[in-house]
Every structure is written in structure tokens, then in C-alpha cells.
């Protein structure tokens, strides 16, 4: 599973740090929208960086290569982390229209609320292999 994220967004960076701490199996990899691999994955999913208001999750080819966005992406990631995070699966009971409306509201205001970094996050050496260029 590859998580494509905005490396200049402090909320997004916090999410990546959370995933690095809780993905003990090391199955999740990361690609920033500021890098070539992230841009390629966005393009393949039909998304553009300008005005991007979603997290993109790309499953590995052997898992079907499917892509997920918005709250579906978050729920897929939490499911992949295992227990107790898998309990978030009950979020599927909330209609996507409502879940994703709230998600887009947060995404539109993420820089204003959490801030923005002028430089991209650099992973710790022990996690560097999980980040794609």
C-alpha cells in the first residue's frame, strides 16, 4: 500500500508520523506529491496537484492495484494497521457523502488551521526506505 501525501502540509506530516509509529509490519510506503513517484501516481489516478484536496492510497498490484481517496483512503489505511485501528471500519456505516464532505472541509482549510512548511518532511534514517522518490 502506498500513501500519497502533501509533504508540505503539517497535518499530512502528522498523519505520516502516526502511520510510521503504528505500522509495525512496515507494509505502508509513502510518496509525496512533491516527488516524481507521487506525481506519477496522482496522474495515473486522474488527479492533479493544483487544488488537491484528498489523500490517495494505492494498493499494491498483487492486491489489485485499486486506488482510494478521501475517507475511504483513511479507512483502508486504518484497516491495514490491524487491531485496534481496524475498529474504525464502522466508519463505513456513515454515508460517504457526509464523511467526504467533512473530509473536504478539513482538506480545504488544512494549511490555515495546521500550517504549512516551506520544506518537505525528511524521514528518519530508519524509515527512509519506505519513502519513494
Protein backbone atom coordinates (compact mmCIF):
# COMPACT_ATOMS: atom_id res chain seq x y z
CA UNK A 1 0.00 0.00 0.00
CA UNK A 2 1.31 3.44 -0.97
CA UNK A 3 0.04 6.62 0.70
CA UNK A 4 0.43 9.71 -1.50
CA UNK A 5 0.51 12.81 0.69
CA UNK A 6 1.36 16.53 0.69
CA UNK A 7 4.80 16.74 2.33
CA UNK A 8 4.42 20.49 2.93
CA UNK A 9 1.17 20.08 4.89
CA UNK A 10 1.75 19.82 8.64
CA UNK A 11 -1.48 17.85 9.14
CA UNK A 12 -0.39 15.39 6.45
CA UNK A 13 3.06 15.09 8.01
CA UNK A 14 1.47 14.33 11.37
CA UNK A 15 -0.61 11.61 9.73
CA UNK A 16 2.51 10.07 8.15
CA UNK A 17 4.30 10.15 11.53
CA UNK A 18 1.29 8.41 13.10
CA UNK A 19 1.41 5.71 10.41
CA UNK A 20 5.14 5.20 10.83
CA UNK A 21 4.64 4.65 14.58
CA UNK A 22 1.70 2.25 14.23
CA UNK A 23 2.56 0.28 11.08
CA UNK A 24 4.89 -2.10 12.89
CA UNK A 25 4.92 -4.52 9.96
CA UNK A 26 6.24 -1.77 7.66
CA UNK A 27 3.70 -2.53 4.92
CA UNK A 28 2.79 1.08 4.17
CA UNK A 29 5.04 3.07 1.86
CA UNK A 30 4.85 6.78 1.17
CA UNK A 31 5.16 9.09 -1.83
CA UNK A 32 4.86 12.87 -1.58
CA UNK A 33 3.03 14.90 -4.18
CA UNK A 34 6.20 16.95 -4.44
CA UNK A 35 8.17 13.91 -5.73
CA UNK A 36 8.21 12.19 -9.11
CA UNK A 37 6.61 8.95 -7.90
CA UNK A 38 3.82 10.82 -6.11
CA UNK A 39 3.13 12.89 -9.22
CA UNK A 40 3.07 9.75 -11.37
CA UNK A 41 0.59 8.04 -9.02
CA UNK A 42 -1.64 11.13 -8.94
CA UNK A 43 -1.58 11.30 -12.73
CA UNK A 44 -2.48 7.60 -13.04
CA UNK A 45 -5.42 8.20 -10.68
CA UNK A 46 -6.59 11.16 -12.78
CA UNK A 47 -5.71 13.74 -10.11
CA UNK A 48 -3.73 16.99 -10.28
CA UNK A 49 -1.62 18.62 -7.60
CA UNK A 50 -3.25 22.04 -8.04
CA UNK A 51 -6.23 22.22 -5.73
CA UNK A 52 -5.69 18.66 -4.49
CA UNK A 53 -7.94 18.00 -1.52
CA UNK A 54 -7.51 14.30 -0.97
CA UNK A 55 -5.21 11.67 0.33
CA UNK A 56 -4.55 8.97 -2.25
CA UNK A 57 -3.96 5.35 -1.33
CA UNK A 58 -2.75 2.95 -4.00
CA UNK A 59 -2.89 -0.75 -3.27
CA UNK A 60 -0.02 -2.90 -4.45
CA UNK A 61 -0.53 -4.56 -7.82
CA UNK A 62 -0.77 -8.02 -6.21
CA UNK A 63 -3.65 -6.68 -4.07
CA UNK A 64 -5.50 -5.43 -7.15
CA UNK A 65 -3.83 -2.05 -7.66
CA UNK A 66 -7.01 -0.25 -6.64
CA UNK A 67 -6.96 3.40 -5.54
CA UNK A 68 -8.81 5.04 -2.66
CA UNK A 69 -9.44 8.71 -1.86
CA UNK A 70 -10.91 10.85 0.90
CA UNK A 71 -12.32 8.99 3.91
CA UNK A 72 -12.23 5.66 2.07
CA UNK A 73 -8.43 6.04 1.94
CA UNK A 74 -8.24 6.72 5.67
CA UNK A 75 -10.47 3.74 6.49
CA UNK A 76 -8.40 1.44 4.26
CA UNK A 77 -5.19 2.56 5.95
CA UNK A 78 -6.58 2.09 9.46
CA UNK A 79 -7.85 -1.36 8.49
CA UNK A 80 -4.35 -2.26 7.25
CA UNK A 81 -2.85 -1.28 10.62
CA UNK A 82 -4.75 -4.09 12.34
CA UNK A 83 -6.26 -4.01 15.81
CA UNK A 84 -7.36 -1.77 17.48
CA UNK A 85 -7.30 0.61 14.48
CA UNK A 86 -9.39 -1.83 12.47
CA UNK A 87 -12.37 -0.81 14.64
CA UNK A 88 -12.54 2.40 12.57
CA UNK A 89 -14.15 0.18 9.94
CA UNK A 90 -17.51 1.12 11.48
CA UNK A 91 -16.94 4.47 9.73
CA UNK A 92 -18.25 2.76 6.59
CA UNK A 93 -21.70 2.93 8.20
CA UNK A 94 -21.69 6.70 7.76
CA UNK A 95 -22.68 7.60 4.18
CA UNK A 96 -19.69 8.62 2.05
CA UNK A 97 -21.45 11.83 1.08
CA UNK A 98 -21.33 13.01 4.71
CA UNK A 99 -17.88 11.57 5.54
CA UNK A 100 -16.28 13.07 2.46
CA UNK A 101 -17.95 16.47 2.87
CA UNK A 102 -16.32 16.80 6.29
CA UNK A 103 -13.03 15.50 4.87
CA UNK A 104 -13.05 18.12 2.07
CA UNK A 105 -13.82 20.89 4.56
CA UNK A 106 -10.76 19.93 6.61
CA UNK A 107 -8.63 19.48 3.48
CA UNK A 108 -9.55 22.93 2.13
CA UNK A 109 -8.53 24.56 5.41
CA UNK A 110 -5.57 22.36 6.39
CA UNK A 111 -2.88 25.00 5.76
CA UNK A 112 -4.78 27.69 7.61
CA UNK A 113 -5.53 25.50 10.64
CA UNK A 114 -2.40 23.33 10.96
CA UNK A 115 0.11 25.28 8.91
CA UNK A 116 2.43 24.66 6.04
CA UNK A 117 6.14 24.01 5.82
CA UNK A 118 8.22 25.57 3.07
CA UNK A 119 10.40 22.44 3.01
CA UNK A 120 9.32 18.85 2.62
CA UNK A 121 9.48 16.42 5.51
CA UNK A 122 12.66 14.34 5.66
CA UNK A 123 12.13 10.84 7.04
CA UNK A 124 14.27 9.46 9.83
CA UNK A 125 17.03 7.16 8.52
CA UNK A 126 15.26 4.05 9.82
CA UNK A 127 12.18 4.91 7.71
CA UNK A 128 13.90 6.30 4.60
CA UNK A 129 13.44 3.04 2.64
CA UNK A 130 9.65 3.36 2.94
CA UNK A 131 9.58 6.68 1.07
CA UNK A 132 9.51 6.64 -2.74
CA UNK A 133 11.13 9.37 -4.85
